[in-house]
Amino acid sequence: MLNLFSDIPEVLYNSVQIAKRCNLIIKKRKLILPIFNIKKKIDSNKYIKKLVFNNLNKLKLKRKIFDKYLLRLNKELYVIKKVNLSNYFLIVMEFVK
């Protein structure tokens, strides 16, 4: 910046003066996400679990593979519930559809 404005040194001085006067404090807020509209008044965590398991059953997998998928799905659903993103995933599902 010094080389760029070498012909007008007061610009550098003024930039520093403005920077010294700036004071910005950004408060950390809770993440606010939209709520997925479920026709039946059911918890979004339960609803996403129901959808996932219904679709898993439709795949008609062999028992060994089904159990493997089931274990993984339970882990993933646990994480989604823990970070409170069920509504987010349901909304994304709507976009994808």
PDB file of N, CA and C in Angstrom:
ATOM      1  N   MET A   1       0.832  -1.177   0.000  1.00  0.00           N
ATOM      2  CA  MET A   1       0.000   0.000   0.000  1.00  0.00           C
ATOM      3  C   MET A   1       0.878   1.243   0.000  1.00  0.00           C
ATOM      4  N   LEU A   2       2.007   1.139   0.678  1.00  0.00           N
ATOM      5  CA  LEU A   2       2.941   2.251   0.732  1.00  0.00           C
ATOM      6  C   LEU A   2       3.428   2.605  -0.673  1.00  0.00           C
ATOM      7  N   ASN A   3       3.757   1.589  -1.476  1.00  0.00           N
ATOM      8  CA  ASN A   3       4.209   1.831  -2.845  1.00  0.00           C
ATOM      9  C   ASN A   3       3.079   2.364  -3.716  1.00  0.00           C
ATOM     10  N   LEU A   4       1.887   1.866  -3.494  1.00  0.00           N
ATOM     11  CA  LEU A   4       0.740   2.257  -4.310  1.00  0.00           C
ATOM     12  C   LEU A   4       0.381   3.734  -4.139  1.00  0.00           C
ATOM     13  N   PHE A   5       0.502   4.241  -2.908  1.00  0.00           N
ATOM     14  CA  PHE A   5       0.140   5.634  -2.630  1.00  0.00           C
ATOM     15  C   PHE A   5       1.350   6.479  -2.228  1.00  0.00           C
ATOM     16  N   SER A   6       2.498   6.161  -2.755  1.00  0.00           N
ATOM     17  CA  SER A   6       3.716   6.901  -2.398  1.00  0.00           C
ATOM     18  C   SER A   6       3.643   8.376  -2.806  1.00  0.00           C
ATOM     19  N   ASP A   7       2.867   8.673  -3.830  1.00  0.00           N
ATOM     20  CA  ASP A   7       2.744  10.057  -4.297  1.00  0.00           C
ATOM     21  C   ASP A   7       1.784  10.895  -3.431  1.00  0.00           C
ATOM     22  N   ILE A   8       0.943  10.262  -2.615  1.00  0.00           N
ATOM     23  CA  ILE A   8       0.030  10.986  -1.722  1.00  0.00           C
ATOM     24  C   ILE A   8       0.103  10.374  -0.318  1.00  0.00           C
ATOM     25  N   PRO A   9       1.111  10.743   0.444  1.00  0.00           N
ATOM     26  CA  PRO A   9       1.330  10.133   1.763  1.00  0.00           C
ATOM     27  C   PRO A   9       0.209  10.388   2.763  1.00  0.00           C
ATOM     28  N   GLU A  10      -0.548  11.474   2.598  1.00  0.00           N
ATOM     29  CA  GLU A  10      -1.632  11.754   3.558  1.00  0.00           C
ATOM     30  C   GLU A  10      -2.734  10.684   3.487  1.00  0.00           C
ATOM     31  N   VAL A  11      -2.838   9.991   2.357  1.00  0.00           N
ATOM     32  CA  VAL A  11      -3.828   8.914   2.239  1.00  0.00           C
ATOM     33  C   VAL A  11      -3.498   7.801   3.229  1.00  0.00           C
ATOM     34  N   LEU A  12      -2.233   7.455   3.324  1.00  0.00           N
ATOM     35  CA  LEU A  12      -1.824   6.415   4.279  1.00  0.00           C
ATOM     36  C   LEU A  12      -2.093   6.853   5.715  1.00  0.00           C
ATOM     37  N   TYR A  13      -1.730   8.079   6.027  1.00  0.00           N
ATOM     38  CA  TYR A  13      -1.959   8.604   7.373  1.00  0.00           C
ATOM     39  C   TYR A  13      -3.454   8.580   7.705  1.00  0.00           C
ATOM     40  N   ASN A  14      -4.275   9.079   6.767  1.00  0.00           N
ATOM     41  CA  ASN A  14      -5.723   9.123   6.990  1.00  0.00           C
ATOM     42  C   ASN A  14      -6.312   7.721   7.142  1.00  0.00           C
ATOM     43  N   SER A  15      -5.810   6.764   6.383  1.00  0.00           N
ATOM     44  CA  SER A  15      -6.289   5.373   6.494  1.00  0.00           C
ATOM     45  C   SER A  15      -6.040   4.827   7.894  1.00  0.00           C
ATOM     46  N   VAL A  16      -4.873   5.107   8.433  1.00  0.00           N
ATOM     47  CA  VAL A  16      -4.532   4.643   9.782  1.00  0.00           C
ATOM     48  C   VAL A  16      -5.424   5.332  10.811  1.00  0.00           C
ATOM     49  N   GLN A  17      -5.672   6.624  10.633  1.00  0.00           N
ATOM     50  CA  GLN A  17      -6.531   7.368  11.569  1.00  0.00           C
ATOM     51  C   GLN A  17      -7.961   6.815  11.562  1.00  0.00           C
ATOM     52  N   ILE A  18      -8.470   6.504  10.387  1.00  0.00           N
ATOM     53  CA  ILE A  18      -9.824   5.934  10.281  1.00  0.00           C
ATOM     54  C   ILE A  18      -9.862   4.560  10.941  1.00  0.00           C
ATOM     55  N   ALA A  19      -8.854   3.741  10.698  1.00  0.00           N
ATOM     56  CA  ALA A  19      -8.804   2.405  11.291  1.00  0.00           C
ATOM     57  C   ALA A  19      -8.780   2.473  12.816  1.00  0.00           C
ATOM     58  N   LYS A  20      -8.080   3.453  13.367  1.00  0.00           N
ATOM     59  CA  LYS A  20      -8.020   3.611  14.829  1.00  0.00           C
ATOM     60  C   LYS A  20      -9.381   3.971  15.424  1.00  0.00           C
ATOM     61  N   ARG A  21     -10.215   4.662  14.658  1.00  0.00           N
ATOM     62  CA  ARG A  21     -11.527   5.079  15.141  1.00  0.00           C
ATOM     63  C   ARG A  21     -12.594   3.987  15.025  1.00  0.00           C
ATOM     64  N   CYS A  22     -12.302   2.984  14.248  1.00  0.00           N
ATOM     65  CA  CYS A  22     -13.274   1.904  14.056  1.00  0.00           C
ATOM     66  C   CYS A  22     -13.267   0.963  15.249  1.00  0.00           C
ATOM     67  N   ASN A  23     -14.439   0.637  15.713  1.00  0.00           N
ATOM     68  CA  ASN A  23     -14.567  -0.275  16.834  1.00  0.00           C
ATOM     69  C   ASN A  23     -15.803  -1.136  16.576  1.00  0.00           C
ATOM     70  N   LEU A  24     -15.601  -2.371  16.247  1.00  0.00           N
ATOM     71  CA  LEU A  24     -16.713  -3.261  15.927  1.00  0.00           C
ATOM     72  C   LEU A  24     -16.653  -4.484  16.828  1.00  0.00           C
ATOM     73  N   ILE A  25     -17.745  -4.711  17.507  1.00  0.00           N
ATOM     74  CA  ILE A  25     -17.859  -5.898  18.348  1.00  0.00           C
ATOM     75  C   ILE A  25     -19.008  -6.729  17.795  1.00  0.00           C
ATOM     76  N   ILE A  26     -18.689  -7.939  17.376  1.00  0.00           N
ATOM     77  CA  ILE A  26     -19.709  -8.838  16.848  1.00  0.00           C
ATOM     78  C   ILE A  26     -20.037  -9.856  17.931  1.00  0.00           C
ATOM     79  N   LYS A  27     -21.271  -9.803  18.387  1.00  0.00           N
ATOM     80  CA  LYS A  27     -21.705 -10.738  19.424  1.00  0.00           C
ATOM     81  C   LYS A  27     -22.048 -12.070  18.785  1.00  0.00           C
ATOM     82  N   LYS A  28     -21.615 -13.131  19.430  1.00  0.00           N
ATOM     83  CA  LYS A  28     -21.936 -14.469  18.959  1.00  0.00           C
ATOM     84  C   LYS A  28     -23.383 -14.769  19.340  1.00  0.00           C
ATOM     85  N   ARG A  29     -24.174 -15.093  18.296  1.00  0.00           N
ATOM     86  CA  ARG A  29     -25.584 -15.373  18.549  1.00  0.00           C
ATOM     87  C   ARG A  29     -25.893 -16.824  18.233  1.00  0.00           C
ATOM     88  N   LYS A  30     -27.001 -17.243  18.750  1.00  0.00           N
ATOM     89  CA  LYS A  30     -27.486 -18.587  18.480  1.00  0.00           C
ATOM     90  C   LYS A  30     -27.914 -18.664  17.014  1.00  0.00           C
ATOM     91  N   LEU A  31     -27.604 -19.772  16.387  1.00  0.00           N
ATOM     92  CA  LEU A  31     -27.975 -19.988  15.004  1.00  0.00           C
ATOM     93  C   LEU A  31     -29.494 -20.101  14.890  1.00  0.00           C
ATOM     94  N   ILE A  32     -30.069 -19.311  13.994  1.00  0.00           N
ATOM     95  CA  ILE A  32     -31.515 -19.328  13.806  1.00  0.00           C
ATOM     96  C   ILE A  32     -31.803 -19.921  12.433  1.00  0.00           C
ATOM     97  N   LEU A  33     -32.456 -21.057  12.415  1.00  0.00           N
ATOM     98  CA  LEU A  33     -32.795 -21.737  11.172  1.00  0.00           C
ATOM     99  C   LEU A  33     -34.307 -21.822  11.022  1.00  0.00           C
ATOM    100  N   PRO A  34     -34.784 -21.877   9.790  1.00  0.00           N
ATOM    101  CA  PRO A  34     -36.231 -22.031   9.598  1.00  0.00           C
ATOM    102  C   PRO A  34     -36.708 -23.398  10.073  1.00  0.00           C
ATOM    103  N   ILE A  35     -37.986 -23.484  10.335  1.00  0.00           N
ATOM    104  CA  ILE A  35     -38.574 -24.739  10.797  1.00  0.00           C
ATOM    105  C   ILE A  35     -39.313 -25.377   9.633  1.00  0.00           C
ATOM    106  N   PHE A  36     -39.056 -26.646   9.415  1.00  0.00           N
ATOM    107  CA  PHE A  36     -39.711 -27.395   8.347  1.00  0.00           C
ATOM    108  C   PHE A  36     -41.167 -27.628   8.739  1.00  0.00           C
ATOM    109  N   ASN A  37     -42.070 -27.354   7.810  1.00  0.00           N
ATOM    110  CA  ASN A  37     -43.494 -27.500   8.081  1.00  0.00           C
ATOM    111  C   ASN A  37     -43.914 -28.959   7.886  1.00  0.00           C
ATOM    112  N   ILE A  38     -44.226 -29.618   8.973  1.00  0.00           N
ATOM    113  CA  ILE A  38     -44.671 -31.013   8.937  1.00  0.00           C
ATOM    114  C   ILE A  38     -46.177 -31.005   9.171  1.00  0.00           C
ATOM    115  N   LYS A  39     -46.923 -31.619   8.244  1.00  0.00           N
ATOM    116  CA  LYS A  39     -48.390 -31.606   8.344  1.00  0.00           C
ATOM    117  C   LYS A  39     -48.872 -32.221   9.651  1.00  0.00           C
ATOM    118  N   LYS A  40     -48.335 -33.391   9.961  1.00  0.00           N
ATOM    119  CA  LYS A  40     -48.657 -34.000  11.253  1.00  0.00           C
ATOM    120  C   LYS A  40     -47.749 -33.346  12.280  1.00  0.00           C
ATOM    121  N   LYS A  41     -48.323 -32.927  13.355  1.00  0.00           N
ATOM    122  CA  LYS A  41     -47.527 -32.255  14.378  1.00  0.00           C
ATOM    123  C   LYS A  41     -46.632 -33.263  15.083  1.00  0.00           C
ATOM    124  N   ILE A  42     -45.474 -33.490  14.464  1.00  0.00           N
ATOM    125  CA  ILE A  42     -44.501 -34.446  14.990  1.00  0.00           C
ATOM    126  C   ILE A  42     -43.146 -33.747  15.051  1.00  0.00           C
ATOM    127  N   ASP A  43     -42.347 -34.140  15.983  1.00  0.00           N
ATOM    128  CA  ASP A  43     -41.010 -33.595  16.156  1.00  0.00           C
ATOM    129  C   ASP A  43     -40.184 -33.849  14.887  1.00  0.00           C
ATOM    130  N   SER A  44     -39.424 -32.855  14.446  1.00  0.00           N
ATOM    131  CA  SER A  44     -38.643 -32.986  13.214  1.00  0.00           C
ATOM    132  C   SER A  44     -37.605 -34.112  13.301  1.00  0.00           C
ATOM    133  N   ASN A  45     -37.079 -34.366  14.494  1.00  0.00           N
ATOM    134  CA  ASN A  45     -36.120 -35.468  14.660  1.00  0.00           C
ATOM    135  C   ASN A  45     -36.796 -36.816  14.408  1.00  0.00           C
ATOM    136  N   LYS A  46     -37.997 -36.963  14.933  1.00  0.00           N
ATOM    137  CA  LYS A  46     -38.738 -38.209  14.718  1.00  0.00           C
ATOM    138  C   LYS A  46     -39.155 -38.352  13.266  1.00  0.00           C
ATOM    139  N   TYR A  47     -39.527 -37.234  12.654  1.00  0.00           N
ATOM    140  CA  TYR A  47     -39.985 -37.263  11.268  1.00  0.00           C
ATOM    141  C   TYR A  47     -38.857 -37.657  10.309  1.00  0.00           C
ATOM    142  N   ILE A  48     -37.684 -37.074  10.491  1.00  0.00           N
ATOM    143  CA  ILE A  48     -36.571 -37.405   9.597  1.00  0.00           C
ATOM    144  C   ILE A  48     -36.154 -38.870   9.787  1.00  0.00           C
ATOM    145  N   LYS A  49     -36.225 -39.343  11.030  1.00  0.00           N
ATOM    146  CA  LYS A  49     -35.894 -40.738  11.303  1.00  0.00           C
ATOM    147  C   LYS A  49     -36.887 -41.658  10.600  1.00  0.00           C
ATOM    148  N   LYS A  50     -38.151 -41.306  10.667  1.00  0.00           N
ATOM    149  CA  LYS A  50     -39.191 -42.098  10.012  1.00  0.00           C
ATOM    150  C   LYS A  50     -38.957 -42.148   8.495  1.00  0.00           C
ATOM    151  N   LEU A  51     -38.673 -41.008   7.899  1.00  0.00           N
ATOM    152  CA  LEU A  51     -38.409 -40.960   6.460  1.00  0.00           C
ATOM    153  C   LEU A  51     -37.207 -41.813   6.068  1.00  0.00           C
ATOM    154  N   VAL A  52     -36.154 -41.675   6.825  1.00  0.00           N
ATOM    155  CA  VAL A  52     -34.924 -42.408   6.529  1.00  0.00           C
ATOM    156  C   VAL A  52     -35.153 -43.917   6.613  1.00  0.00           C
ATOM    157  N   PHE A  53     -35.805 -44.354   7.658  1.00  0.00           N
ATOM    158  CA  PHE A  53     -36.018 -45.795   7.823  1.00  0.00           C
ATOM    159  C   PHE A  53     -37.022 -46.349   6.818  1.00  0.00           C
ATOM    160  N   ASN A  54     -38.026 -45.570   6.477  1.00  0.00           N
ATOM    161  CA  ASN A  54     -38.965 -46.018   5.436  1.00  0.00           C
ATOM    162  C   ASN A  54     -38.243 -46.204   4.105  1.00  0.00           C
ATOM    163  N   ASN A  55     -37.380 -45.275   3.774  1.00  0.00           N
ATOM    164  CA  ASN A  55     -36.636 -45.382   2.523  1.00  0.00           C
ATOM    165  C   ASN A  55     -35.594 -46.499   2.561  1.00  0.00           C
ATOM    166  N   LEU A  56     -35.033 -46.728   3.708  1.00  0.00           N
ATOM    167  CA  LEU A  56     -34.089 -47.836   3.840  1.00  0.00           C
ATOM    168  C   LEU A  56     -34.807 -49.162   3.627  1.00  0.00           C
ATOM    169  N   ASN A  57     -35.989 -49.295   4.171  1.00  0.00           N
ATOM    170  CA  ASN A  57     -36.762 -50.528   4.003  1.00  0.00           C
ATOM    171  C   ASN A  57     -37.166 -50.758   2.542  1.00  0.00           C
ATOM    172  N   LYS A  58     -37.385 -49.687   1.813  1.00  0.00           N
ATOM    173  CA  LYS A  58     -37.757 -49.804   0.406  1.00  0.00           C
ATOM    174  C   LYS A  58     -36.620 -50.371  -0.450  1.00  0.00           C
ATOM    175  N   LEU A  59     -35.411 -50.257   0.024  1.00  0.00           N
ATOM    176  CA  LEU A  59     -34.261 -50.747  -0.742  1.00  0.00           C
ATOM    177  C   LEU A  59     -34.201 -52.271  -0.801  1.00  0.00           C
ATOM    178  N   LYS A  60     -34.846 -52.933   0.128  1.00  0.00           N
ATOM    179  CA  LYS A  60     -34.882 -54.402   0.191  1.00  0.00           C
ATOM    180  C   LYS A  60     -33.474 -55.004   0.099  1.00  0.00           C
ATOM    181  N   LEU A  61     -32.675 -54.624   1.068  1.00  0.00           N
ATOM    182  CA  LEU A  61     -31.289 -55.080   1.120  1.00  0.00           C
ATOM    183  C   LEU A  61     -31.182 -56.419   1.828  1.00  0.00           C
ATOM    184  N   LYS A  62     -30.080 -57.092   1.583  1.00  0.00           N
ATOM    185  CA  LYS A  62     -29.791 -58.324   2.329  1.00  0.00           C
ATOM    186  C   LYS A  62     -29.540 -57.955   3.774  1.00  0.00           C
ATOM    187  N   ARG A  63     -29.821 -58.868   4.661  1.00  0.00           N
ATOM    188  CA  ARG A  63     -29.782 -58.602   6.104  1.00  0.00           C
ATOM    189  C   ARG A  63     -28.449 -58.014   6.571  1.00  0.00           C
ATOM    190  N   LYS A  64     -27.350 -58.573   6.102  1.00  0.00           N
ATOM    191  CA  LYS A  64     -26.029 -58.131   6.542  1.00  0.00           C
ATOM    192  C   LYS A  64     -25.775 -56.681   6.111  1.00  0.00           C
ATOM    193  N   ILE A  65     -26.128 -56.343   4.904  1.00  0.00           N
ATOM    194  CA  ILE A  65     -25.947 -54.985   4.390  1.00  0.00           C
ATOM    195  C   ILE A  65     -26.920 -54.031   5.082  1.00  0.00           C
ATOM    196  N   PHE A  66     -28.155 -54.499   5.267  1.00  0.00           N
ATOM    197  CA  PHE A  66     -29.170 -53.694   5.955  1.00  0.00           C
ATOM    198  C   PHE A  66     -28.684 -53.306   7.346  1.00  0.00           C
ATOM    199  N   ASP A  67     -28.151 -54.254   8.085  1.00  0.00           N
ATOM    200  CA  ASP A  67     -27.662 -53.976   9.440  1.00  0.00           C
ATOM    201  C   ASP A  67     -26.524 -52.959   9.432  1.00  0.00           C
ATOM    202  N   LYS A  68     -25.671 -53.066   8.434  1.00  0.00           N
ATOM    203  CA  LYS A  68     -24.557 -52.135   8.308  1.00  0.00           C
ATOM    204  C   LYS A  68     -25.070 -50.714   8.045  1.00  0.00           C
ATOM    205  N   TYR A  69     -26.024 -50.600   7.129  1.00  0.00           N
ATOM    206  CA  TYR A  69     -26.627 -49.300   6.826  1.00  0.00           C
ATOM    207  C   TYR A  69     -27.383 -48.750   8.037  1.00  0.00           C
ATOM    208  N   LEU A  70     -28.087 -49.613   8.709  1.00  0.00           N
ATOM    209  CA  LEU A  70     -28.864 -49.215   9.875  1.00  0.00           C
ATOM    210  C   LEU A  70     -27.964 -48.625  10.955  1.00  0.00           C
ATOM    211  N   LEU A  71     -26.841 -49.264  11.189  1.00  0.00           N
ATOM    212  CA  LEU A  71     -25.887 -48.773  12.181  1.00  0.00           C
ATOM    213  C   LEU A  71     -25.384 -47.382  11.795  1.00  0.00           C
ATOM    214  N   ARG A  72     -25.022 -47.229  10.525  1.00  0.00           N
ATOM    215  CA  ARG A  72     -24.516 -45.938  10.054  1.00  0.00           C
ATOM    216  C   ARG A  72     -25.596 -44.856  10.118  1.00  0.00           C
ATOM    217  N   LEU A  73     -26.800 -45.192   9.723  1.00  0.00           N
ATOM    218  CA  LEU A  73     -27.900 -44.226   9.768  1.00  0.00           C
ATOM    219  C   LEU A  73     -28.181 -43.756  11.192  1.00  0.00           C
ATOM    220  N   ASN A  74     -28.150 -44.665  12.119  1.00  0.00           N
ATOM    221  CA  ASN A  74     -28.368 -44.288  13.518  1.00  0.00           C
ATOM    222  C   ASN A  74     -27.299 -43.319  14.004  1.00  0.00           C
ATOM    223  N   LYS A  75     -26.055 -43.556  13.601  1.00  0.00           N
ATOM    224  CA  LYS A  75     -24.967 -42.641  13.978  1.00  0.00           C
ATOM    225  C   LYS A  75     -25.188 -41.265  13.362  1.00  0.00           C
ATOM    226  N   GLU A  76     -25.525 -41.249  12.076  1.00  0.00           N
ATOM    227  CA  GLU A  76     -25.741 -39.977  11.380  1.00  0.00           C
ATOM    228  C   GLU A  76     -26.930 -39.218  11.962  1.00  0.00           C
ATOM    229  N   LEU A  77     -28.010 -39.922  12.234  1.00  0.00           N
ATOM    230  CA  LEU A  77     -29.188 -39.284  12.817  1.00  0.00           C
ATOM    231  C   LEU A  77     -28.904 -38.745  14.217  1.00  0.00           C
ATOM    232  N   TYR A  78     -28.071 -39.447  14.956  1.00  0.00           N
ATOM    233  CA  TYR A  78     -27.681 -38.980  16.284  1.00  0.00           C
ATOM    234  C   TYR A  78     -26.948 -37.637  16.183  1.00  0.00           C
ATOM    235  N   VAL A  79     -26.027 -37.549  15.232  1.00  0.00           N
ATOM    236  CA  VAL A  79     -25.261 -36.307  15.048  1.00  0.00           C
ATOM    237  C   VAL A  79     -26.183 -35.173  14.598  1.00  0.00           C
ATOM    238  N   ILE A  80     -27.071 -35.456  13.648  1.00  0.00           N
ATOM    239  CA  ILE A  80     -28.008 -34.444  13.157  1.00  0.00           C
ATOM    240  C   ILE A  80     -28.871 -33.927  14.303  1.00  0.00           C
ATOM    241  N   LYS A  81     -29.340 -34.825  15.147  1.00  0.00           N
ATOM    242  CA  LYS A  81     -30.164 -34.423  16.292  1.00  0.00           C
ATOM    243  C   LYS A  81     -29.335 -33.625  17.300  1.00  0.00           C
ATOM    244  N   LYS A  82     -28.116 -34.080  17.546  1.00  0.00           N
ATOM    245  CA  LYS A  82     -27.250 -33.435  18.534  1.00  0.00           C
ATOM    246  C   LYS A  82     -26.949 -31.977  18.165  1.00  0.00           C
ATOM    247  N   VAL A  83     -26.736 -31.713  16.874  1.00  0.00           N
ATOM    248  CA  VAL A  83     -26.423 -30.347  16.446  1.00  0.00           C
ATOM    249  C   VAL A  83     -27.675 -29.581  16.017  1.00  0.00           C
ATOM    250  N   ASN A  84     -28.830 -30.197  16.217  1.00  0.00           N
ATOM    251  CA  ASN A  84     -30.130 -29.569  15.974  1.00  0.00           C
ATOM    252  C   ASN A  84     -30.299 -29.116  14.515  1.00  0.00           C
ATOM    253  N   LEU A  85     -30.027 -30.026  13.576  1.00  0.00           N
ATOM    254  CA  LEU A  85     -30.131 -29.691  12.158  1.00  0.00           C
ATOM    255  C   LEU A  85     -31.178 -30.518  11.416  1.00  0.00           C
ATOM    256  N   SER A  86     -32.088 -31.136  12.114  1.00  0.00           N
ATOM    257  CA  SER A  86     -33.120 -31.937  11.456  1.00  0.00           C
ATOM    258  C   SER A  86     -33.950 -31.096  10.495  1.00  0.00           C
ATOM    259  N   ASN A  87     -34.365 -29.927  10.947  1.00  0.00           N
ATOM    260  CA  ASN A  87     -35.155 -29.047  10.084  1.00  0.00           C
ATOM    261  C   ASN A  87     -34.374 -28.655   8.830  1.00  0.00           C
ATOM    262  N   TYR A  88     -33.095 -28.377   9.008  1.00  0.00           N
ATOM    263  CA  TYR A  88     -32.253 -28.013   7.871  1.00  0.00           C
ATOM    264  C   TYR A  88     -32.227 -29.138   6.833  1.00  0.00           C
ATOM    265  N   PHE A  89     -31.996 -30.362   7.276  1.00  0.00           N
ATOM    266  CA  PHE A  89     -31.934 -31.487   6.344  1.00  0.00           C
ATOM    267  C   PHE A  89     -33.282 -31.742   5.671  1.00  0.00           C
ATOM    268  N   LEU A  90     -34.360 -31.535   6.389  1.00  0.00           N
ATOM    269  CA  LEU A  90     -35.688 -31.703   5.797  1.00  0.00           C
ATOM    270  C   LEU A  90     -35.958 -30.645   4.727  1.00  0.00           C
ATOM    271  N   ILE A  91     -35.513 -29.431   4.971  1.00  0.00           N
ATOM    272  CA  ILE A  91     -35.687 -28.366   3.979  1.00  0.00           C
ATOM    273  C   ILE A  91     -34.836 -28.647   2.748  1.00  0.00           C
ATOM    274  N   VAL A  92     -33.622 -29.080   2.962  1.00  0.00           N
ATOM    275  CA  VAL A  92     -32.750 -29.439   1.817  1.00  0.00           C
ATOM    276  C   VAL A  92     -33.371 -30.586   1.023  1.00  0.00           C
ATOM    277  N   MET A  93     -33.970 -31.539   1.722  1.00  0.00           N
ATOM    278  CA  MET A  93     -34.640 -32.647   1.054  1.00  0.00           C
ATOM    279  C   MET A  93     -35.730 -32.120   0.114  1.00  0.00           C
ATOM    280  N   GLU A  94     -36.473 -31.130   0.575  1.00  0.00           N
ATOM    281  CA  GLU A  94     -37.521 -30.529  -0.264  1.00  0.00           C
ATOM    282  C   GLU A  94     -36.933 -29.894  -1.516  1.00  0.00           C
ATOM    283  N   PHE A  95     -35.805 -29.195  -1.372  1.00  0.00           N
ATOM    284  CA  PHE A  95     -35.156 -28.596  -2.537  1.00  0.00           C
ATOM    285  C   PHE A  95     -34.721 -29.663  -3.526  1.00  0.00           C
ATOM    286  N   VAL A  96     -34.164 -30.733  -3.016  1.00  0.00           N
ATOM    287  CA  VAL A  96     -33.656 -31.798  -3.884  1.00  0.00           C
ATOM    288  C   VAL A  96     -34.804 -32.480  -4.640  1.00  0.00           C
ATOM    289  N   LYS A  97     -35.923 -32.657  -3.945  1.00  0.00           N
ATOM    290  CA  LYS A  97     -37.091 -33.264  -4.599  1.00  0.00           C
ATOM    291  C   LYS A  97     -37.551 -32.383  -5.730  1.00  0.00           C
TER     292      LYS A  97
END
